[in-house]
């Protein structure tokens, strides 16, 4: 019950990656302005890096002992299918 965005690209290109980074940077900046916080100086950034490690392991083909919700599992499988 949390909002999310899922963007799937058929091709990874510098232009697509740049657009994706710009999209998320802008989203974070606007949220910070609305909430009156410095969005780029938060402890959650480090937490996000820690949470991403098991997902990266799965994407690279290594088994992780981490539990993934059904949405994350599905996206990992989509990624693997696109990269066969």
Protein backbone atom coordinates (compact mmCIF):
# COMPACT_ATOMS: atom_id res chain seq x y z
CA UNK A 1 0.00 0.00 0.00
CA UNK A 2 2.77 2.38 -0.90
CA UNK A 3 2.91 4.33 -4.12
CA UNK A 4 5.63 3.29 -6.53
CA UNK A 5 6.85 3.95 -10.03
CA UNK A 6 7.99 1.18 -12.32
CA UNK A 7 9.89 2.19 -15.41
CA UNK A 8 11.05 -0.53 -17.79
CA UNK A 9 13.42 0.24 -20.63
CA UNK A 10 13.92 -2.00 -23.62
CA UNK A 11 17.37 -0.54 -24.13
CA UNK A 12 19.82 0.90 -21.64
CA UNK A 13 21.47 3.93 -23.18
CA UNK A 14 23.29 6.96 -21.80
CA UNK A 15 20.29 9.09 -22.70
CA UNK A 16 17.80 6.81 -20.91
CA UNK A 17 19.97 6.53 -17.81
CA UNK A 18 20.49 10.29 -17.73
CA UNK A 19 16.75 10.88 -17.99
CA UNK A 20 16.10 8.39 -15.19
CA UNK A 21 18.67 10.01 -12.89
CA UNK A 22 17.27 13.47 -13.65
CA UNK A 23 13.73 12.26 -12.92
CA UNK A 24 14.65 10.92 -9.50
CA UNK A 25 16.87 13.87 -8.59
CA UNK A 26 14.04 16.25 -9.44
CA UNK A 27 11.53 14.19 -7.44
CA UNK A 28 13.81 14.20 -4.39
CA UNK A 29 14.50 17.93 -4.70
CA UNK A 30 10.80 18.84 -4.97
CA UNK A 31 9.89 16.64 -1.99
CA UNK A 32 12.60 18.36 0.05
CA UNK A 33 11.30 21.80 -0.85
CA UNK A 34 7.74 20.81 0.07
CA UNK A 35 8.83 19.26 3.38
CA UNK A 36 11.43 21.99 4.11
CA UNK A 37 14.32 19.54 4.50
CA UNK A 38 17.70 19.07 2.84
CA UNK A 39 16.93 15.96 0.82
CA UNK A 40 20.56 15.35 -0.07
CA UNK A 41 21.84 15.07 3.51
CA UNK A 42 19.81 12.25 5.05
CA UNK A 43 20.71 9.08 6.96
CA UNK A 44 18.28 7.15 4.75
CA UNK A 45 20.74 7.33 1.85
CA UNK A 46 23.08 4.95 3.65
CA UNK A 47 20.17 2.70 4.59
CA UNK A 48 19.13 2.58 0.94
CA UNK A 49 22.62 1.47 -0.05
CA UNK A 50 22.53 -1.33 2.53
CA UNK A 51 19.10 -2.48 1.36
CA UNK A 52 20.22 -2.48 -2.28
CA UNK A 53 23.10 -4.95 -1.74
CA UNK A 54 20.97 -8.14 -1.67
CA UNK A 55 19.00 -6.97 -4.71
CA UNK A 56 22.22 -6.32 -6.62
CA UNK A 57 23.46 -9.79 -5.68
CA UNK A 58 20.27 -11.32 -7.13
CA UNK A 59 20.54 -9.24 -10.29
CA UNK A 60 24.12 -10.45 -10.76
CA UNK A 61 23.01 -14.07 -10.47
CA UNK A 62 24.14 -14.74 -6.90
CA UNK A 63 21.71 -16.13 -4.37
CA UNK A 64 20.81 -13.84 -1.51
CA UNK A 65 19.33 -14.92 1.81
CA UNK A 66 17.25 -11.75 1.90
CA UNK A 67 13.46 -11.77 1.81
CA UNK A 68 11.95 -9.85 -1.10
CA UNK A 69 8.31 -8.84 -1.37
CA UNK A 70 6.36 -10.08 -4.38
CA UNK A 71 6.82 -6.83 -6.33
CA UNK A 72 10.61 -6.91 -5.91
CA UNK A 73 10.76 -10.60 -6.84
CA UNK A 74 8.75 -9.92 -9.99
CA UNK A 75 10.98 -7.00 -11.02
CA UNK A 76 14.12 -9.09 -10.45
CA UNK A 77 12.69 -11.80 -12.70
CA UNK A 78 11.78 -9.23 -15.39
CA UNK A 79 15.32 -7.88 -15.28
CA UNK A 80 16.79 -11.37 -15.58
CA UNK A 81 14.50 -12.18 -18.52
CA UNK A 82 15.49 -8.97 -20.32
CA UNK A 83 19.16 -9.80 -19.84
CA UNK A 84 19.28 -13.42 -20.99
